[in-house]
């Protein structure tokens, strides 16, 4: 059974037993302006997301669902990276940087990973408190889908393919 809430014109459906919330609406919203400090010390901004379909994943090393979904996020990245797709994994502010670095190295994450040391990115993207929270951003820099909890990866792949086909 779906439970629906209306928040700022966006429907939120929580499907009992699936452990994921899916946000959708009739229109896309611009991704919030924010900066991300990557593990290599470089900075990316929301503007840098434009031109590619991007999965932005807020996660933590202490989150069992985050750890469990990471192999699928890697497979998704590997499948679409040469077609105009990117991934940005944003570690939550409470996650010790040394844990994040160890996780990235031991799991050989192939995509960009940011440390949200101040919590500013999580705040800008909707005051995120639950991990994983994942956003799908289209080539125009608009959020077209949000998942709280692990996404249905077959559905996610269909969405990515649709977005990649757009001009």
N, C-alpha and C. Protein backbone atom coordinates (compact mmCIF):
# COMPACT_ATOMS: atom_id res chain seq x y z
N UNK A 1 0.84 -1.18 0.00
CA UNK A 1 0.00 0.00 0.00
C UNK A 1 0.89 1.24 0.00
N UNK A 2 0.55 2.19 -0.80
CA UNK A 2 1.33 3.43 -0.88
C UNK A 2 0.74 4.48 0.04
N UNK A 3 1.61 5.17 0.73
CA UNK A 3 1.21 6.28 1.58
C UNK A 3 1.69 7.53 0.86
N UNK A 4 0.78 8.45 0.59
CA UNK A 4 1.18 9.63 -0.18
C UNK A 4 1.18 10.87 0.69
N UNK A 5 2.19 11.66 0.53
CA UNK A 5 2.34 12.96 1.18
C UNK A 5 2.61 13.97 0.10
N UNK A 6 2.05 15.15 0.23
CA UNK A 6 2.33 16.20 -0.75
C UNK A 6 3.21 17.23 -0.10
N UNK A 7 4.38 17.44 -0.65
CA UNK A 7 5.33 18.40 -0.12
C UNK A 7 5.84 19.23 -1.28
N UNK A 8 5.54 20.51 -1.28
CA UNK A 8 6.03 21.43 -2.32
C UNK A 8 5.73 20.90 -3.72
N UNK A 9 4.54 20.32 -3.89
CA UNK A 9 4.13 19.87 -5.21
C UNK A 9 4.75 18.57 -5.66
N UNK A 10 5.42 17.88 -4.77
CA UNK A 10 6.07 16.61 -5.13
C UNK A 10 5.42 15.50 -4.32
N UNK A 11 5.08 14.44 -4.99
CA UNK A 11 4.46 13.31 -4.30
C UNK A 11 5.53 12.40 -3.74
N UNK A 12 5.31 11.94 -2.55
CA UNK A 12 6.24 11.01 -1.90
C UNK A 12 5.46 9.72 -1.67
N UNK A 13 5.95 8.64 -2.20
CA UNK A 13 5.28 7.37 -2.00
C UNK A 13 6.20 6.45 -1.22
N UNK A 14 5.70 5.96 -0.12
CA UNK A 14 6.47 5.02 0.68
C UNK A 14 5.81 3.66 0.52
N UNK A 15 6.54 2.74 -0.06
CA UNK A 15 5.98 1.43 -0.30
C UNK A 15 6.38 0.51 0.84
N UNK A 16 5.39 0.06 1.58
CA UNK A 16 5.63 -0.78 2.75
C UNK A 16 6.40 -2.02 2.35
N UNK A 17 7.44 -2.32 3.11
CA UNK A 17 8.22 -3.52 2.90
C UNK A 17 9.36 -3.37 1.91
N UNK A 18 9.37 -2.32 1.10
CA UNK A 18 10.43 -2.16 0.12
C UNK A 18 11.63 -1.42 0.68
N UNK A 19 11.41 -0.64 1.73
CA UNK A 19 12.52 0.07 2.35
C UNK A 19 13.03 1.25 1.56
N UNK A 20 12.28 1.69 0.56
CA UNK A 20 12.73 2.84 -0.22
C UNK A 20 11.57 3.80 -0.43
N UNK A 21 11.90 5.06 -0.48
CA UNK A 21 10.93 6.09 -0.80
C UNK A 21 11.30 6.61 -2.17
N UNK A 22 10.32 6.88 -2.99
CA UNK A 22 10.58 7.42 -4.30
C UNK A 22 9.81 8.73 -4.42
N UNK A 23 10.51 9.79 -4.77
CA UNK A 23 9.89 11.08 -4.97
C UNK A 23 9.71 11.28 -6.46
N UNK A 24 8.56 11.80 -6.85
CA UNK A 24 8.37 12.13 -8.23
C UNK A 24 7.41 13.29 -8.32
N UNK A 25 7.40 13.92 -9.46
CA UNK A 25 6.51 15.06 -9.65
C UNK A 25 6.33 15.32 -11.13
N UNK A 26 5.46 16.23 -11.46
CA UNK A 26 5.18 16.55 -12.84
C UNK A 26 6.27 17.39 -13.49
N UNK A 27 7.16 17.95 -12.70
CA UNK A 27 8.22 18.78 -13.25
C UNK A 27 9.52 18.52 -12.50
N UNK A 28 10.61 18.87 -13.14
CA UNK A 28 11.91 18.70 -12.53
C UNK A 28 12.30 19.98 -11.81
N UNK A 29 13.07 19.84 -10.75
CA UNK A 29 13.56 21.00 -10.01
C UNK A 29 15.07 21.10 -10.22
N UNK A 30 15.56 22.32 -10.31
CA UNK A 30 17.00 22.52 -10.46
C UNK A 30 17.72 21.95 -9.25
N UNK A 31 18.83 21.29 -9.49
CA UNK A 31 19.65 20.79 -8.38
C UNK A 31 20.15 22.00 -7.59
N UNK A 32 20.18 21.91 -6.27
CA UNK A 32 20.60 23.06 -5.46
C UNK A 32 22.07 23.43 -5.70
N UNK A 33 22.34 24.72 -5.64
CA UNK A 33 23.71 25.19 -5.80
C UNK A 33 24.52 24.77 -4.58
N UNK A 34 25.59 24.04 -4.82
CA UNK A 34 26.45 23.60 -3.73
C UNK A 34 27.81 23.22 -4.28
N UNK A 35 28.77 23.10 -3.35
CA UNK A 35 30.13 22.70 -3.69
C UNK A 35 30.43 21.37 -3.01
N UNK A 36 31.25 20.58 -3.66
CA UNK A 36 31.65 19.28 -3.14
C UNK A 36 33.17 19.22 -3.13
N UNK A 37 33.76 18.88 -1.99
CA UNK A 37 35.21 18.71 -1.91
C UNK A 37 35.52 17.23 -2.08
N UNK A 38 36.22 16.92 -3.16
CA UNK A 38 36.53 15.52 -3.47
C UNK A 38 37.72 15.05 -2.64
N UNK A 39 37.89 13.73 -2.57
CA UNK A 39 38.98 13.15 -1.79
C UNK A 39 40.35 13.63 -2.24
N UNK A 40 40.48 13.97 -3.51
CA UNK A 40 41.78 14.45 -4.00
C UNK A 40 42.00 15.94 -3.70
N UNK A 41 41.05 16.57 -3.01
CA UNK A 41 41.17 17.97 -2.63
C UNK A 41 40.58 18.93 -3.64
N UNK A 42 40.21 18.45 -4.82
CA UNK A 42 39.59 19.32 -5.82
C UNK A 42 38.13 19.59 -5.44
N UNK A 43 37.55 20.56 -6.09
CA UNK A 43 36.17 20.94 -5.80
C UNK A 43 35.31 20.79 -7.05
N UNK A 44 34.10 20.33 -6.86
CA UNK A 44 33.09 20.29 -7.93
C UNK A 44 31.90 21.07 -7.41
N UNK A 45 31.16 21.65 -8.35
CA UNK A 45 29.94 22.37 -7.99
C UNK A 45 28.76 21.76 -8.73
N UNK A 46 27.58 22.19 -8.36
CA UNK A 46 26.38 21.72 -9.04
C UNK A 46 26.47 22.04 -10.54
N UNK A 47 27.06 23.19 -10.87
CA UNK A 47 27.21 23.57 -12.28
C UNK A 47 28.00 22.52 -13.06
N UNK A 48 28.95 21.88 -12.41
CA UNK A 48 29.78 20.86 -13.07
C UNK A 48 28.99 19.62 -13.45
N UNK A 49 27.80 19.45 -12.89
CA UNK A 49 26.98 18.28 -13.19
C UNK A 49 26.30 18.41 -14.56
N UNK A 50 26.14 19.64 -15.01
CA UNK A 50 25.42 19.86 -16.27
C UNK A 50 26.16 19.23 -17.44
N UNK A 51 25.38 18.71 -18.38
CA UNK A 51 25.93 18.07 -19.57
C UNK A 51 26.00 16.56 -19.46
N UNK A 52 25.85 16.03 -18.26
CA UNK A 52 25.84 14.58 -18.06
C UNK A 52 24.62 14.20 -17.21
N UNK A 53 24.20 12.97 -17.32
CA UNK A 53 23.22 12.42 -16.39
C UNK A 53 24.05 11.97 -15.19
N UNK A 54 23.69 12.44 -14.00
CA UNK A 54 24.51 12.16 -12.83
C UNK A 54 23.70 11.59 -11.69
N UNK A 55 24.24 10.55 -11.08
CA UNK A 55 23.69 10.00 -9.85
C UNK A 55 24.47 10.63 -8.70
N UNK A 56 23.77 11.33 -7.82
CA UNK A 56 24.38 11.93 -6.63
C UNK A 56 23.87 11.14 -5.44
N UNK A 57 24.80 10.45 -4.77
CA UNK A 57 24.45 9.52 -3.70
C UNK A 57 25.03 10.01 -2.37
N UNK A 58 24.14 10.36 -1.43
CA UNK A 58 24.57 10.70 -0.07
C UNK A 58 24.59 9.40 0.73
N UNK A 59 25.73 9.09 1.33
CA UNK A 59 25.93 7.78 1.95
C UNK A 59 26.86 7.91 3.15
N UNK A 60 27.02 6.79 3.86
CA UNK A 60 27.94 6.73 5.00
C UNK A 60 28.49 5.32 5.10
N UNK A 61 29.73 5.21 5.58
CA UNK A 61 30.34 3.89 5.74
C UNK A 61 29.63 3.08 6.82
N UNK A 62 28.95 3.75 7.74
CA UNK A 62 28.23 3.07 8.83
C UNK A 62 26.82 2.64 8.43
N UNK A 63 26.41 2.96 7.22
CA UNK A 63 25.06 2.65 6.73
C UNK A 63 25.09 1.32 6.00
N UNK A 64 24.42 0.31 6.56
CA UNK A 64 24.47 -1.02 5.94
C UNK A 64 23.83 -1.05 4.56
N UNK A 65 22.75 -0.29 4.35
CA UNK A 65 22.13 -0.24 3.03
C UNK A 65 23.06 0.41 2.02
N UNK A 66 23.77 1.46 2.46
CA UNK A 66 24.73 2.15 1.58
C UNK A 66 25.82 1.19 1.13
N UNK A 67 26.38 0.46 2.06
CA UNK A 67 27.45 -0.49 1.77
C UNK A 67 26.93 -1.59 0.85
N UNK A 68 25.70 -2.07 1.12
CA UNK A 68 25.12 -3.15 0.32
C UNK A 68 24.82 -2.71 -1.12
N UNK A 69 24.43 -1.44 -1.32
CA UNK A 69 24.08 -0.99 -2.67
C UNK A 69 25.30 -0.56 -3.49
N UNK A 70 26.42 -0.34 -2.85
CA UNK A 70 27.59 0.20 -3.55
C UNK A 70 28.04 -0.66 -4.74
N UNK A 71 28.05 -1.99 -4.66
CA UNK A 71 28.42 -2.77 -5.86
C UNK A 71 27.50 -2.50 -7.06
N UNK A 72 26.21 -2.28 -6.81
CA UNK A 72 25.28 -1.97 -7.90
C UNK A 72 25.53 -0.57 -8.45
N UNK A 73 25.89 0.37 -7.57
CA UNK A 73 26.21 1.72 -8.04
C UNK A 73 27.46 1.67 -8.92
N UNK A 74 28.44 0.85 -8.52
CA UNK A 74 29.66 0.67 -9.33
C UNK A 74 29.30 0.07 -10.69
N UNK A 75 28.48 -1.00 -10.71
CA UNK A 75 28.08 -1.63 -11.97
C UNK A 75 27.34 -0.65 -12.87
N UNK A 76 26.47 0.18 -12.27
CA UNK A 76 25.73 1.17 -13.03
C UNK A 76 26.68 2.19 -13.64
N UNK A 77 27.63 2.66 -12.84
CA UNK A 77 28.62 3.61 -13.33
C UNK A 77 29.41 3.00 -14.49
N UNK A 78 29.90 1.79 -14.30
CA UNK A 78 30.70 1.13 -15.34
C UNK A 78 29.90 0.93 -16.63
N UNK A 79 28.61 0.64 -16.49
CA UNK A 79 27.76 0.38 -17.65
C UNK A 79 27.53 1.64 -18.50
N UNK A 80 27.40 2.81 -17.85
CA UNK A 80 26.99 4.02 -18.56
C UNK A 80 28.03 5.13 -18.62
N UNK A 81 29.18 4.96 -17.99
CA UNK A 81 30.16 6.06 -17.89
C UNK A 81 30.65 6.57 -19.24
N UNK A 82 30.69 5.72 -20.24
CA UNK A 82 31.17 6.14 -21.56
C UNK A 82 30.05 6.70 -22.43
N UNK A 83 28.85 6.82 -21.85
CA UNK A 83 27.69 7.29 -22.62
C UNK A 83 27.17 8.64 -22.12
N UNK A 84 27.95 9.31 -21.26
CA UNK A 84 27.50 10.61 -20.75
C UNK A 84 26.89 10.55 -19.36
N UNK A 85 27.27 9.54 -18.59
CA UNK A 85 26.75 9.33 -17.23
C UNK A 85 27.89 9.47 -16.22
N UNK A 86 27.56 10.01 -15.06
CA UNK A 86 28.56 10.14 -14.01
C UNK A 86 27.93 9.83 -12.65
N UNK A 87 28.77 9.63 -11.67
CA UNK A 87 28.35 9.35 -10.30
C UNK A 87 29.17 10.21 -9.36
N UNK A 88 28.50 10.76 -8.37
CA UNK A 88 29.16 11.50 -7.31
C UNK A 88 28.64 10.95 -5.98
N UNK A 89 29.52 10.31 -5.22
CA UNK A 89 29.15 9.77 -3.91
C UNK A 89 29.59 10.79 -2.85
N UNK A 90 28.64 11.24 -2.03
CA UNK A 90 28.91 12.27 -1.04
C UNK A 90 28.81 11.65 0.36
N UNK A 91 29.96 11.54 1.03
CA UNK A 91 30.00 10.97 2.38
C UNK A 91 29.46 12.00 3.38
N UNK A 92 28.63 11.54 4.28
CA UNK A 92 27.99 12.42 5.25
C UNK A 92 29.01 13.01 6.23
N UNK A 93 28.66 14.12 6.83
CA UNK A 93 29.57 14.86 7.71
C UNK A 93 30.02 14.06 8.93
N UNK A 94 29.19 13.13 9.39
CA UNK A 94 29.53 12.34 10.58
C UNK A 94 30.44 11.16 10.27
N UNK A 95 30.69 10.94 8.99
CA UNK A 95 31.53 9.81 8.58
C UNK A 95 33.00 10.23 8.71
N UNK A 96 33.80 9.56 9.53
CA UNK A 96 35.21 9.94 9.65
C UNK A 96 35.93 9.84 8.30
N UNK A 97 36.64 10.89 7.91
CA UNK A 97 37.32 10.88 6.61
C UNK A 97 38.21 9.65 6.39
N UNK A 98 38.87 9.18 7.44
CA UNK A 98 39.74 8.01 7.28
C UNK A 98 38.92 6.76 6.92
N UNK A 99 37.69 6.65 7.43
CA UNK A 99 36.82 5.52 7.09
C UNK A 99 36.42 5.60 5.62
N UNK A 100 36.11 6.83 5.16
CA UNK A 100 35.70 7.03 3.77
C UNK A 100 36.85 6.67 2.84
N UNK A 101 38.03 7.18 3.12
CA UNK A 101 39.21 6.89 2.29
C UNK A 101 39.46 5.38 2.25
N UNK A 102 39.42 4.72 3.40
CA UNK A 102 39.63 3.28 3.45
C UNK A 102 38.58 2.54 2.63
N UNK A 103 37.32 2.95 2.74
CA UNK A 103 36.23 2.31 1.99
C UNK A 103 36.46 2.47 0.49
N UNK A 104 36.77 3.69 0.07
CA UNK A 104 36.98 3.98 -1.35
C UNK A 104 38.14 3.16 -1.90
N UNK A 105 39.23 3.07 -1.14
CA UNK A 105 40.40 2.31 -1.59
C UNK A 105 40.13 0.81 -1.58
N UNK A 106 39.54 0.30 -0.52
CA UNK A 106 39.34 -1.15 -0.42
C UNK A 106 38.29 -1.65 -1.40
N UNK A 107 37.30 -0.82 -1.73
CA UNK A 107 36.25 -1.21 -2.69
C UNK A 107 36.56 -0.73 -4.10
N UNK A 108 37.67 0.01 -4.24
CA UNK A 108 38.09 0.53 -5.54
C UNK A 108 36.96 1.27 -6.26
N UNK A 109 36.36 2.23 -5.56
CA UNK A 109 35.27 3.00 -6.16
C UNK A 109 35.82 3.77 -7.36
N UNK A 110 35.21 3.61 -8.54
CA UNK A 110 35.75 4.20 -9.77
C UNK A 110 35.26 5.62 -10.06
N UNK A 111 34.39 6.15 -9.21
CA UNK A 111 33.79 7.46 -9.46
C UNK A 111 34.22 8.47 -8.40
N UNK A 112 33.79 9.71 -8.58
CA UNK A 112 34.16 10.79 -7.66
C UNK A 112 33.49 10.60 -6.31
N UNK A 113 34.27 10.83 -5.25
CA UNK A 113 33.75 10.74 -3.88
C UNK A 113 34.09 12.05 -3.17
N UNK A 114 33.08 12.61 -2.54
CA UNK A 114 33.25 13.88 -1.82
C UNK A 114 33.04 13.67 -0.33
N UNK A 115 33.72 14.49 0.46
CA UNK A 115 33.52 14.52 1.91
C UNK A 115 32.69 15.77 2.22
N UNK A 116 31.55 15.58 2.84
CA UNK A 116 30.71 16.71 3.22
C UNK A 116 31.02 17.05 4.68
N UNK A 117 32.26 17.47 4.93
CA UNK A 117 32.73 17.70 6.31
C UNK A 117 31.85 18.63 7.13
N UNK A 118 31.32 19.67 6.50
CA UNK A 118 30.53 20.66 7.23
C UNK A 118 29.04 20.34 7.24
N UNK A 119 28.62 19.41 6.39
CA UNK A 119 27.19 19.10 6.27
C UNK A 119 26.46 20.07 5.36
N UNK A 120 27.19 21.01 4.75
CA UNK A 120 26.55 22.04 3.91
C UNK A 120 25.88 21.43 2.67
N UNK A 121 26.51 20.44 2.05
CA UNK A 121 25.92 19.83 0.86
C UNK A 121 24.64 19.10 1.22
N UNK A 122 24.67 18.30 2.28
CA UNK A 122 23.47 17.58 2.71
C UNK A 122 22.34 18.55 3.05
N UNK A 123 22.68 19.66 3.68
CA UNK A 123 21.68 20.67 4.02
C UNK A 123 21.09 21.28 2.75
N UNK A 124 21.96 21.64 1.80
CA UNK A 124 21.51 22.26 0.55
C UNK A 124 20.61 21.34 -0.27
N UNK A 125 20.87 20.06 -0.21
CA UNK A 125 20.12 19.09 -1.01
C UNK A 125 18.89 18.56 -0.29
N UNK A 126 18.38 19.30 0.69
CA UNK A 126 17.12 18.92 1.34
C UNK A 126 17.28 18.52 2.79
N UNK A 127 18.35 18.97 3.43
CA UNK A 127 18.61 18.63 4.83
C UNK A 127 18.57 17.11 5.03
N UNK A 128 19.38 16.43 4.27
CA UNK A 128 19.41 14.97 4.27
C UNK A 128 19.88 14.44 5.62
N UNK A 129 19.10 13.53 6.17
CA UNK A 129 19.43 12.88 7.43
C UNK A 129 19.41 11.36 7.31
N UNK A 130 18.78 10.87 6.25
CA UNK A 130 18.65 9.43 6.05
C UNK A 130 19.54 9.01 4.89
N UNK A 131 20.36 7.98 5.12
CA UNK A 131 21.19 7.45 4.05
C UNK A 131 20.77 6.02 3.75
N UNK A 132 20.91 5.59 2.50
CA UNK A 132 21.31 6.41 1.37
C UNK A 132 20.16 7.26 0.85
N UNK A 133 20.49 8.45 0.39
CA UNK A 133 19.57 9.29 -0.37
C UNK A 133 20.27 9.56 -1.69
N UNK A 134 19.57 9.23 -2.77
CA UNK A 134 20.15 9.28 -4.10
C UNK A 134 19.30 10.14 -5.02
N UNK A 135 19.97 11.01 -5.75
CA UNK A 135 19.30 11.88 -6.71
C UNK A 135 19.77 11.54 -8.11
N UNK A 136 18.84 11.58 -9.06
CA UNK A 136 19.19 11.45 -10.47
C UNK A 136 19.01 12.83 -11.08
N UNK A 137 20.12 13.36 -11.62
CA UNK A 137 20.14 14.70 -12.18
C UNK A 137 20.31 14.58 -13.70
N UNK A 138 19.43 15.26 -14.45
CA UNK A 138 19.52 15.18 -15.91
C UNK A 138 20.61 16.10 -16.45
N UNK A 139 20.77 16.10 -17.77
CA UNK A 139 21.85 16.87 -18.41
C UNK A 139 21.70 18.37 -18.20
N UNK A 140 20.49 18.82 -17.90
CA UNK A 140 20.25 20.25 -17.67
C UNK A 140 20.47 20.66 -16.21
N UNK A 141 20.89 19.69 -15.39
CA UNK A 141 21.13 20.00 -13.98
C UNK A 141 19.87 20.00 -13.13
N UNK A 142 18.86 19.27 -13.58
CA UNK A 142 17.59 19.19 -12.85
C UNK A 142 17.44 17.82 -12.19
N UNK A 143 16.96 17.81 -10.97
CA UNK A 143 16.68 16.56 -10.28
C UNK A 143 15.40 15.98 -10.85
N UNK A 144 15.49 14.76 -11.37
CA UNK A 144 14.31 14.13 -11.95
C UNK A 144 13.78 12.98 -11.10
N UNK A 145 14.59 12.50 -10.17
CA UNK A 145 14.14 11.42 -9.30
C UNK A 145 14.99 11.41 -8.04
N UNK A 146 14.34 11.07 -6.93
CA UNK A 146 15.03 10.96 -5.65
C UNK A 146 14.64 9.63 -5.01
N UNK A 147 15.63 8.94 -4.52
CA UNK A 147 15.40 7.69 -3.78
C UNK A 147 15.92 7.86 -2.36
N UNK A 148 15.11 7.47 -1.39
CA UNK A 148 15.59 7.35 -0.01
C UNK A 148 15.55 5.87 0.28
N UNK A 149 16.72 5.29 0.47
CA UNK A 149 16.85 3.84 0.51
C UNK A 149 17.43 3.40 -0.83
N UNK A 150 17.69 2.12 -0.94
CA UNK A 150 18.29 1.60 -2.18
C UNK A 150 17.29 1.67 -3.32
N UNK A 151 17.74 2.13 -4.50
CA UNK A 151 16.84 2.16 -5.65
C UNK A 151 16.60 0.76 -6.21
N UNK A 152 15.55 0.65 -7.01
CA UNK A 152 15.34 -0.53 -7.83
C UNK A 152 16.25 -0.31 -9.04
N UNK A 153 17.34 -1.06 -9.12
CA UNK A 153 18.36 -0.77 -10.12
C UNK A 153 17.89 -1.04 -11.55
N UNK A 154 16.98 -2.00 -11.76
CA UNK A 154 16.45 -2.22 -13.12
C UNK A 154 15.67 -0.98 -13.56
N UNK A 155 14.85 -0.44 -12.67
CA UNK A 155 14.10 0.78 -12.97
C UNK A 155 15.05 1.96 -13.18
N UNK A 156 16.06 2.05 -12.33
CA UNK A 156 17.04 3.12 -12.42
C UNK A 156 17.75 3.09 -13.78
N UNK A 157 18.13 1.91 -14.24
CA UNK A 157 18.81 1.79 -15.53
C UNK A 157 17.91 2.27 -16.67
N UNK A 158 16.62 1.94 -16.60
CA UNK A 158 15.68 2.41 -17.63
C UNK A 158 15.61 3.93 -17.63
N UNK A 159 15.57 4.53 -16.44
CA UNK A 159 15.53 5.98 -16.32
C UNK A 159 16.81 6.60 -16.88
N UNK A 160 17.94 6.05 -16.53
CA UNK A 160 19.23 6.56 -17.01
C UNK A 160 19.26 6.51 -18.54
N UNK A 161 18.84 5.39 -19.11
CA UNK A 161 18.84 5.25 -20.57
C UNK A 161 17.92 6.28 -21.23
N UNK A 162 16.77 6.53 -20.63
CA UNK A 162 15.84 7.54 -21.15
C UNK A 162 16.49 8.91 -21.10
N UNK A 163 17.12 9.24 -19.97
CA UNK A 163 17.75 10.56 -19.81
C UNK A 163 18.95 10.72 -20.72
N UNK A 164 19.72 9.67 -20.92
CA UNK A 164 20.88 9.74 -21.81
C UNK A 164 20.45 9.99 -23.25
N UNK A 165 19.26 9.50 -23.62
CA UNK A 165 18.76 9.65 -24.99
C UNK A 165 18.26 11.08 -25.25
N UNK A 166 17.99 11.85 -24.19
CA UNK A 166 17.50 13.22 -24.38
C UNK A 166 18.61 14.12 -24.89
N UNK A 167 18.19 15.11 -25.68
CA UNK A 167 19.17 16.06 -26.24
C UNK A 167 19.70 16.98 -25.17
